[in-house]
PDB file of N, CA and C in Angstrom:
ATOM      1  N   MET A   1      57.110  45.793  74.953  1.00  0.00           N
ATOM      2  CA  MET A   1      55.694  45.042  75.214  1.00  0.00           C
ATOM      3  C   MET A   1      55.960  44.747  76.912  1.00  0.00           C
ATOM      4  N   ALA A   2      55.370  45.071  77.737  1.00  0.00           N
ATOM      5  CA  ALA A   2      55.341  44.484  79.065  1.00  0.00           C
ATOM      6  C   ALA A   2      54.716  43.008  78.870  1.00  0.00           C
ATOM      7  N   LEU A   3      54.684  42.385  79.826  1.00  0.00           N
ATOM      8  CA  LEU A   3      54.043  40.639  80.279  1.00  0.00           C
ATOM      9  C   LEU A   3      52.913  41.059  80.827  1.00  0.00           C
ATOM     10  N   MET A   4      51.804  40.043  81.079  1.00  0.00           N
ATOM     11  CA  MET A   4      50.735  40.153  81.514  1.00  0.00           C
ATOM     12  C   MET A   4      50.627  38.740  82.353  1.00  0.00           C
ATOM     13  N   ILE A   5      49.621  38.946  83.148  1.00  0.00           N
ATOM     14  CA  ILE A   5      49.433  37.382  83.693  1.00  0.00           C
ATOM     15  C   ILE A   5      48.176  36.879  83.484  1.00  0.00           C
ATOM     16  N   THR A   6      47.537  36.076  83.016  1.00  0.00           N
ATOM     17  CA  THR A   6      45.951  35.900  82.045  1.00  0.00           C
ATOM     18  C   THR A   6      45.334  34.916  83.604  1.00  0.00           C
ATOM     19  N   ASP A   7      44.187  34.747  83.836  1.00  0.00           N
ATOM     20  CA  ASP A   7      43.162  34.118  84.519  1.00  0.00           C
ATOM     21  C   ASP A   7      43.899  32.761  84.662  1.00  0.00           C
ATOM     22  N   GLU A   8      44.268  32.054  83.758  1.00  0.00           N
ATOM     23  CA  GLU A   8      45.071  30.752  84.319  1.00  0.00           C
ATOM     24  C   GLU A   8      45.899  31.061  85.592  1.00  0.00           C
ATOM     25  N   CYS A   9      46.518  31.651  85.494  1.00  0.00           N
ATOM     26  CA  CYS A   9      47.169  31.733  86.912  1.00  0.00           C
ATOM     27  C   CYS A   9      46.708  30.843  88.036  1.00  0.00           C
ATOM     28  N   ILE A  10      47.900  29.670  88.269  1.00  0.00           N
ATOM     29  CA  ILE A  10      47.308  28.881  89.802  1.00  0.00           C
ATOM     30  C   ILE A  10      47.797  29.534  90.886  1.00  0.00           C
ATOM     31  N   ASN A  11      48.373  30.644  91.142  1.00  0.00           N
ATOM     32  CA  ASN A  11      49.011  31.106  92.318  1.00  0.00           C
ATOM     33  C   ASN A  11      50.156  30.603  92.801  1.00  0.00           C
ATOM     34  N   CYS A  12      50.945  30.083  92.243  1.00  0.00           N
ATOM     35  CA  CYS A  12      51.887  28.528  92.601  1.00  0.00           C
ATOM     36  C   CYS A  12      53.412  29.900  93.531  1.00  0.00           C
ATOM     37  N   ASP A  13      53.349  30.752  93.243  1.00  0.00           N
ATOM     38  CA  ASP A  13      54.084  31.799  93.769  1.00  0.00           C
ATOM     39  C   ASP A  13      55.430  31.497  93.465  1.00  0.00           C
ATOM     40  N   VAL A  14      55.836  31.362  92.244  1.00  0.00           N
ATOM     41  CA  VAL A  14      56.982  30.925  91.329  1.00  0.00           C
ATOM     42  C   VAL A  14      57.965  32.016  90.797  1.00  0.00           C
ATOM     43  N   CYS A  15      56.691  33.269  90.221  1.00  0.00           N
ATOM     44  CA  CYS A  15      57.224  34.164  89.656  1.00  0.00           C
ATOM     45  C   CYS A  15      57.605  35.170  90.833  1.00  0.00           C
ATOM     46  N   GLU A  16      56.747  35.284  91.318  1.00  0.00           N
ATOM     47  CA  GLU A  16      57.177  36.613  91.873  1.00  0.00           C
ATOM     48  C   GLU A  16      58.457  37.055  92.654  1.00  0.00           C
ATOM     49  N   PRO A  17      59.239  36.026  92.621  1.00  0.00           N
ATOM     50  CA  PRO A  17      60.584  36.505  93.737  1.00  0.00           C
ATOM     51  C   PRO A  17      61.771  36.284  92.422  1.00  0.00           C
ATOM     52  N   GLU A  18      61.090  35.742  91.045  1.00  0.00           N
ATOM     53  CA  GLU A  18      61.789  35.933  89.870  1.00  0.00           C
ATOM     54  C   GLU A  18      62.129  37.165  89.292  1.00  0.00           C
ATOM     55  N   CYS A  19      61.248  38.025  89.710  1.00  0.00           N
ATOM     56  CA  CYS A  19      61.328  39.343  89.194  1.00  0.00           C
ATOM     57  C   CYS A  19      62.100  40.615  89.541  1.00  0.00           C
ATOM     58  N   PRO A  20      62.736  40.174  88.933  1.00  0.00           N
ATOM     59  CA  PRO A  20      63.728  41.542  89.329  1.00  0.00           C
ATOM     60  C   PRO A  20      63.566  42.850  89.232  1.00  0.00           C
ATOM     61  N   ASN A  21      62.478  43.257  88.695  1.00  0.00           N
ATOM     62  CA  ASN A  21      61.969  44.643  89.355  1.00  0.00           C
ATOM     63  C   ASN A  21      60.842  45.120  90.327  1.00  0.00           C
ATOM     64  N   GLN A  22      60.851  43.957  90.929  1.00  0.00           N
ATOM     65  CA  GLN A  22      59.455  43.737  91.829  1.00  0.00           C
ATOM     66  C   GLN A  22      58.273  44.455  90.972  1.00  0.00           C
ATOM     67  N   ALA A  23      58.190  43.770  89.441  1.00  0.00           N
ATOM     68  CA  ALA A  23      56.630  44.088  88.900  1.00  0.00           C
ATOM     69  C   ALA A  23      55.500  43.352  89.241  1.00  0.00           C
ATOM     70  N   ILE A  24      56.042  42.490  90.156  1.00  0.00           N
ATOM     71  CA  ILE A  24      54.755  41.172  90.137  1.00  0.00           C
ATOM     72  C   ILE A  24      54.272  41.128  91.108  1.00  0.00           C
ATOM     73  N   PHE A  25      52.814  41.247  91.631  1.00  0.00           N
ATOM     74  CA  PHE A  25      52.382  40.935  92.966  1.00  0.00           C
ATOM     75  C   PHE A  25      50.949  40.395  92.956  1.00  0.00           C
ATOM     76  N   LEU A  26      50.746  40.086  94.372  1.00  0.00           N
ATOM     77  CA  LEU A  26      49.299  39.488  94.344  1.00  0.00           C
ATOM     78  C   LEU A  26      48.434  40.293  94.270  1.00  0.00           C
ATOM     79  N   GLY A  27      47.356  40.051  93.273  1.00  0.00           N
ATOM     80  CA  GLY A  27      46.008  40.799  93.073  1.00  0.00           C
ATOM     81  C   GLY A  27      44.759  39.781  93.668  1.00  0.00           C
ATOM     82  N   LEU A  28      43.901  40.194  93.454  1.00  0.00           N
ATOM     83  CA  LEU A  28      42.284  39.756  94.122  1.00  0.00           C
ATOM     84  C   LEU A  28      42.500  38.409  94.209  1.00  0.00           C
ATOM     85  N   GLU A  29      42.987  38.262  92.756  1.00  0.00           N
ATOM     86  CA  GLU A  29      42.229  36.827  92.041  1.00  0.00           C
ATOM     87  C   GLU A  29      43.752  35.735  92.059  1.00  0.00           C
ATOM     88  N   TYR A  30      44.623  36.647  91.445  1.00  0.00           N
ATOM     89  CA  TYR A  30      45.824  35.866  90.926  1.00  0.00           C
ATOM     90  C   TYR A  30      46.722  36.780  90.689  1.00  0.00           C
ATOM     91  N   TYR A  31      47.787  36.413  90.884  1.00  0.00           N
ATOM     92  CA  TYR A  31      49.323  37.664  90.261  1.00  0.00           C
ATOM     93  C   TYR A  31      49.355  38.682  89.186  1.00  0.00           C
ATOM     94  N   GLN A  32      49.743  39.689  89.135  1.00  0.00           N
ATOM     95  CA  GLN A  32      49.490  40.167  88.435  1.00  0.00           C
ATOM     96  C   GLN A  32      50.269  40.990  87.865  1.00  0.00           C
ATOM     97  N   ILE A  33      50.823  42.040  86.703  1.00  0.00           N
ATOM     98  CA  ILE A  33      52.448  42.456  86.726  1.00  0.00           C
ATOM     99  C   ILE A  33      51.770  43.849  86.527  1.00  0.00           C
ATOM    100  N   ASP A  34      52.720  44.894  87.120  1.00  0.00           N
ATOM    101  CA  ASP A  34      52.506  46.257  86.856  1.00  0.00           C
ATOM    102  C   ASP A  34      53.498  46.741  85.772  1.00  0.00           C
ATOM    103  N   PRO A  35      52.810  47.211  84.696  1.00  0.00           N
ATOM    104  CA  PRO A  35      53.614  47.868  83.271  1.00  0.00           C
ATOM    105  C   PRO A  35      54.475  48.188  83.894  1.00  0.00           C
ATOM    106  N   GLY A  36      53.924  49.455  84.381  1.00  0.00           N
ATOM    107  CA  GLY A  36      55.336  50.495  84.447  1.00  0.00           C
ATOM    108  C   GLY A  36      56.605  49.857  85.413  1.00  0.00           C
ATOM    109  N   LYS A  37      56.413  48.970  85.548  1.00  0.00           N
ATOM    110  CA  LYS A  37      58.003  48.358  86.192  1.00  0.00           C
ATOM    111  C   LYS A  37      58.571  47.073  85.356  1.00  0.00           C
ATOM    112  N   CYS A  38      57.526  46.639  84.669  1.00  0.00           N
ATOM    113  CA  CYS A  38      57.892  45.146  83.597  1.00  0.00           C
ATOM    114  C   CYS A  38      58.999  46.092  82.463  1.00  0.00           C
ATOM    115  N   THR A  39      59.726  45.151  82.092  1.00  0.00           N
ATOM    116  CA  THR A  39      60.913  45.358  81.340  1.00  0.00           C
ATOM    117  C   THR A  39      61.169  43.629  80.489  1.00  0.00           C
ATOM    118  N   GLU A  40      60.440  42.885  80.901  1.00  0.00           N
ATOM    119  CA  GLU A  40      60.529  41.557  80.021  1.00  0.00           C
ATOM    120  C   GLU A  40      62.244  41.023  80.895  1.00  0.00           C
ATOM    121  N   CYS A  41      62.512  42.371  81.517  1.00  0.00           N
ATOM    122  CA  CYS A  41      63.689  41.312  82.152  1.00  0.00           C
ATOM    123  C   CYS A  41      65.110  41.506  81.109  1.00  0.00           C
ATOM    124  N   VAL A  42      64.629  43.097  80.504  1.00  0.00           N
ATOM    125  CA  VAL A  42      65.692  43.778  79.548  1.00  0.00           C
ATOM    126  C   VAL A  42      66.489  44.364  80.606  1.00  0.00           C
ATOM    127  N   GLY A  43      67.903  44.108  80.379  1.00  0.00           N
ATOM    128  CA  GLY A  43      68.965  44.831  81.143  1.00  0.00           C
ATOM    129  C   GLY A  43      69.130  44.046  82.597  1.00  0.00           C
ATOM    130  N   HIS A  44      67.868  42.797  82.671  1.00  0.00           N
ATOM    131  CA  HIS A  44      69.088  41.829  83.637  1.00  0.00           C
ATOM    132  C   HIS A  44      69.303  40.273  83.054  1.00  0.00           C
ATOM    133  N   TYR A  45      68.031  40.205  82.117  1.00  0.00           N
ATOM    134  CA  TYR A  45      67.988  38.871  81.206  1.00  0.00           C
ATOM    135  C   TYR A  45      68.168  38.958  80.328  1.00  0.00           C
ATOM    136  N   ASP A  46      68.475  37.652  79.579  1.00  0.00           N
ATOM    137  CA  ASP A  46      67.873  37.544  78.304  1.00  0.00           C
ATOM    138  C   ASP A  46      66.765  37.166  77.639  1.00  0.00           C
ATOM    139  N   THR A  47      65.773  36.157  78.855  1.00  0.00           N
ATOM    140  CA  THR A  47      64.566  36.106  78.861  1.00  0.00           C
ATOM    141  C   THR A  47      63.792  36.332  79.809  1.00  0.00           C
ATOM    142  N   PRO A  48      62.801  36.537  79.936  1.00  0.00           N
ATOM    143  CA  PRO A  48      61.762  36.886  81.263  1.00  0.00           C
ATOM    144  C   PRO A  48      61.705  35.637  81.822  1.00  0.00           C
ATOM    145  N   GLN A  49      62.468  36.398  83.382  1.00  0.00           N
ATOM    146  CA  GLN A  49      62.375  35.014  84.144  1.00  0.00           C
ATOM    147  C   GLN A  49      60.903  34.546  84.163  1.00  0.00           C
ATOM    148  N   CYS A  50      59.777  35.223  84.702  1.00  0.00           N
ATOM    149  CA  CYS A  50      58.669  34.744  85.251  1.00  0.00           C
ATOM    150  C   CYS A  50      57.925  33.872  84.173  1.00  0.00           C
ATOM    151  N   VAL A  51      58.269  34.049  82.898  1.00  0.00           N
ATOM    152  CA  VAL A  51      57.793  33.272  81.754  1.00  0.00           C
ATOM    153  C   VAL A  51      58.635  32.159  82.021  1.00  0.00           C
ATOM    154  N   GLU A  52      60.196  32.181  82.096  1.00  0.00           N
ATOM    155  CA  GLU A  52      60.623  30.939  82.503  1.00  0.00           C
ATOM    156  C   GLU A  52      60.326  29.891  83.354  1.00  0.00           C
ATOM    157  N   VAL A  53      59.810  30.071  84.223  1.00  0.00           N
ATOM    158  CA  VAL A  53      59.192  29.458  85.652  1.00  0.00           C
ATOM    159  C   VAL A  53      57.729  29.300  85.776  1.00  0.00           C
ATOM    160  N   CYS A  54      57.270  29.857  85.068  1.00  0.00           N
ATOM    161  CA  CYS A  54      55.862  29.708  85.044  1.00  0.00           C
ATOM    162  C   CYS A  54      55.485  28.156  84.493  1.00  0.00           C
ATOM    163  N   PRO A  55      54.703  27.528  85.502  1.00  0.00           N
ATOM    164  CA  PRO A  55      54.524  26.342  84.938  1.00  0.00           C
ATOM    165  C   PRO A  55      53.049  25.968  84.062  1.00  0.00           C
ATOM    166  N   VAL A  56      52.200  26.922  84.179  1.00  0.00           N
ATOM    167  CA  VAL A  56      50.999  26.652  83.602  1.00  0.00           C
ATOM    168  C   VAL A  56      51.003  27.754  81.799  1.00  0.00           C
ATOM    169  N   ASP A  57      51.903  28.455  82.058  1.00  0.00           N
ATOM    170  CA  ASP A  57      52.406  29.407  80.615  1.00  0.00           C
ATOM    171  C   ASP A  57      50.975  30.112  80.669  1.00  0.00           C
ATOM    172  N   CYS A  58      51.178  31.300  81.682  1.00  0.00           N
ATOM    173  CA  CYS A  58      49.819  32.082  81.371  1.00  0.00           C
ATOM    174  C   CYS A  58      50.750  33.219  81.564  1.00  0.00           C
ATOM    175  N   ILE A  59      51.528  33.535  80.896  1.00  0.00           N
ATOM    176  CA  ILE A  59      52.308  34.779  81.256  1.00  0.00           C
ATOM    177  C   ILE A  59      52.631  35.265  79.557  1.00  0.00           C
ATOM    178  N   PRO A  60      51.652  35.999  78.915  1.00  0.00           N
ATOM    179  CA  PRO A  60      52.136  36.595  77.510  1.00  0.00           C
ATOM    180  C   PRO A  60      52.222  37.925  77.235  1.00  0.00           C
ATOM    181  N   LEU A  61      52.609  38.488  76.374  1.00  0.00           N
ATOM    182  CA  LEU A  61      52.621  39.745  75.705  1.00  0.00           C
ATOM    183  C   LEU A  61      51.625  40.638  76.292  1.00  0.00           C
ATOM    184  N   ASN A  62      51.418  41.213  77.124  1.00  0.00           N
ATOM    185  CA  ASN A  62      50.246  42.467  77.332  1.00  0.00           C
ATOM    186  C   ASN A  62      50.158  43.416  75.926  1.00  0.00           C
ATOM    187  N   PRO A  63      48.886  43.058  75.062  1.00  0.00           N
ATOM    188  CA  PRO A  63      48.624  44.031  73.772  1.00  0.00           C
ATOM    189  C   PRO A  63      48.447  45.226  73.643  1.00  0.00           C
ATOM    190  N   GLU A  64      47.905  46.068  75.279  1.00  0.00           N
ATOM    191  CA  GLU A  64      48.276  47.135  75.844  1.00  0.00           C
ATOM    192  C   GLU A  64      49.093  48.161  76.051  1.00  0.00           C
ATOM    193  N   VAL A  65      50.430  47.207  76.286  1.00  0.00           N
ATOM    194  CA  VAL A  65      51.219  47.785  76.432  1.00  0.00           C
ATOM    195  C   VAL A  65      52.062  47.913  75.289  1.00  0.00           C
ATOM    196  N   VAL A  66      52.104  48.407  74.247  1.00  0.00           N
ATOM    197  CA  VAL A  66      53.528  48.219  72.997  1.00  0.00           C
ATOM    198  C   VAL A  66      54.563  48.898  73.037  1.00  0.00           C
ATOM    199  N   GLU A  67      55.587  48.276  73.843  1.00  0.00           N
ATOM    200  CA  GLU A  67      57.013  49.127  73.832  1.00  0.00           C
ATOM    201  C   GLU A  67      57.979  48.002  72.776  1.00  0.00           C
ATOM    202  N   SER A  68      59.078  48.904  72.479  1.00  0.00           N
ATOM    203  CA  SER A  68      60.617  48.632  72.056  1.00  0.00           C
ATOM    204  C   SER A  68      61.123  47.704  72.996  1.00  0.00           C
ATOM    205  N   ARG A  69      62.119  47.552  71.857  1.00  0.00           N
ATOM    206  CA  ARG A  69      63.497  46.759  72.933  1.00  0.00           C
ATOM    207  C   ARG A  69      64.068  47.863  73.491  1.00  0.00           C
ATOM    208  N   GLU A  70      64.116  48.987  73.173  1.00  0.00           N
ATOM    209  CA  GLU A  70      64.494  50.440  73.423  1.00  0.00           C
ATOM    210  C   GLU A  70      64.181  51.136  74.349  1.00  0.00           C
ATOM    211  N   GLN A  71      62.598  51.313  74.335  1.00  0.00           N
ATOM    212  CA  GLN A  71      61.924  51.712  75.537  1.00  0.00           C
ATOM    213  C   GLN A  71      62.033  50.871  76.621  1.00  0.00           C
ATOM    214  N   LEU A  72      62.329  49.847  76.288  1.00  0.00           N
ATOM    215  CA  LEU A  72      62.241  48.425  77.519  1.00  0.00           C
ATOM    216  C   LEU A  72      63.383  49.198  78.168  1.00  0.00           C
ATOM    217  N   GLN A  73      64.713  49.088  77.424  1.00  0.00           N
ATOM    218  CA  GLN A  73      65.547  49.616  77.665  1.00  0.00           C
ATOM    219  C   GLN A  73      65.852  50.810  78.941  1.00  0.00           C
ATOM    220  N   ALA A  74      65.233  51.700  78.003  1.00  0.00           N
ATOM    221  CA  ALA A  74      65.469  52.908  78.836  1.00  0.00           C
ATOM    222  C   ALA A  74      64.316  53.073  80.525  1.00  0.00           C
ATOM    223  N   LYS A  75      63.708  52.564  79.923  1.00  0.00           N
ATOM    224  CA  LYS A  75      62.634  51.701  81.246  1.00  0.00           C
ATOM    225  C   LYS A  75      63.430  51.578  82.424  1.00  0.00           C
ATOM    226  N   TYR A  76      64.376  50.304  81.936  1.00  0.00           N
ATOM    227  CA  TYR A  76      65.448  49.799  83.106  1.00  0.00           C
ATOM    228  C   TYR A  76      66.119  50.843  83.560  1.00  0.00           C
ATOM    229  N   GLU A  77      66.590  51.513  82.708  1.00  0.00           N
ATOM    230  CA  GLU A  77      67.722  52.239  82.983  1.00  0.00           C
ATOM    231  C   GLU A  77      66.888  53.741  83.995  1.00  0.00           C
ATOM    232  N   ARG A  78      65.763  53.759  84.022  1.00  0.00           N
ATOM    233  CA  ARG A  78      64.979  54.830  84.742  1.00  0.00           C
ATOM    234  C   ARG A  78      64.638  53.979  85.864  1.00  0.00           C
ATOM    235  N   LEU A  79      64.184  52.638  86.055  1.00  0.00           N
ATOM    236  CA  LEU A  79      64.289  52.114  87.475  1.00  0.00           C
ATOM    237  C   LEU A  79      65.399  51.696  88.287  1.00  0.00           C
ATOM    238  N   THR A  80      66.257  51.632  87.438  1.00  0.00           N
ATOM    239  CA  THR A  80      67.904  51.344  88.262  1.00  0.00           C
ATOM    240  C   THR A  80      68.328  52.388  88.268  1.00  0.00           C
ATOM    241  N   ALA A  81      67.974  53.318  87.744  1.00  0.00           N
ATOM    242  CA  ALA A  81      69.180  54.532  88.100  1.00  0.00           C
ATOM    243  C   ALA A  81      69.058  54.776  89.824  1.00  0.00           C
ATOM    244  N   GLY A  82      68.089  54.364  90.519  1.00  0.00           N
ATOM    245  CA  GLY A  82      68.387  54.994  91.838  1.00  0.00           C
ATOM    246  C   GLY A  82      68.826  53.947  92.733  1.00  0.00           C
ATOM    247  N   LEU A  83      69.295  52.865  91.960  1.00  0.00           N
ATOM    248  CA  LEU A  83      69.880  51.859  92.952  1.00  0.00           C
ATOM    249  C   LEU A  83      71.307  52.229  92.525  1.00  0.00           C
ATOM    250  N   ALA A  84      71.885  52.707  91.827  1.00  0.00           N
ATOM    251  CA  ALA A  84      73.565  52.443  91.766  1.00  0.00           C
ATOM    252  C   ALA A  84      74.066  53.021  93.034  1.00  0.00           C
ATOM    253  N   GLY A  85      74.735  52.255  92.758  1.00  0.00           N
ATOM    254  CA  GLY A  85      76.026  52.601  94.341  1.00  0.00           C
ATOM    255  C   GLY A  85      75.396  52.056  95.437  1.00  0.00           C
ATOM    256  N   GLN A  86      74.342  51.554  95.640  1.00  0.00           N
ATOM    257  CA  GLN A  86      73.812  50.834  96.787  1.00  0.00           C
ATOM    258  C   GLN A  86      73.913  49.751  97.018  1.00  0.00           C
ATOM    259  N   PRO A  87      74.066  48.968  98.650  1.00  0.00           N
ATOM    260  CA  PRO A  87      74.917  47.829  98.505  1.00  0.00           C
ATOM    261  C   PRO A  87      73.620  47.030  98.132  1.00  0.00           C
ATOM    262  N   ASP A  88      73.934  45.579  97.661  1.00  0.00           N
ATOM    263  CA  ASP A  88      72.901  44.442  97.326  1.00  0.00           C
ATOM    264  C   ASP A  88      72.309  44.105  98.839  1.00  0.00           C
ATOM    265  N   VAL A  89      71.602  43.846  99.045  1.00  0.00           N
ATOM    266  CA  VAL A  89      70.744  43.155 100.240  1.00  0.00           C
ATOM    267  C   VAL A  89      70.107  41.687  99.970  1.00  0.00           C
ATOM    268  N   SER A  90      70.447  41.383  98.752  1.00  0.00           N
ATOM    269  CA  SER A  90      69.824  40.190  98.512  1.00  0.00           C
ATOM    270  C   SER A  90      70.732  39.247  99.460  1.00  0.00           C
TER     271      SER A  90
END
């Protein structure tokens, strides 16, 4: 499953820079997660980094986007395929 951010978000800005897939963005009222880019950090980390840093615990699984770990891994591989061999600019 992809993650989602609920309306309990306080717009503290700590989750966005933690997302390795750049799936988090500021919506009209609070941060949101693009389910097409969210892999729950599969391929990058053992746990979702946005959940780790969220001070209000407002990032649950998105029940509308059900994905297995294998599907999340495949999404990670698709998202990072174009990045192979490019220099790290961070």
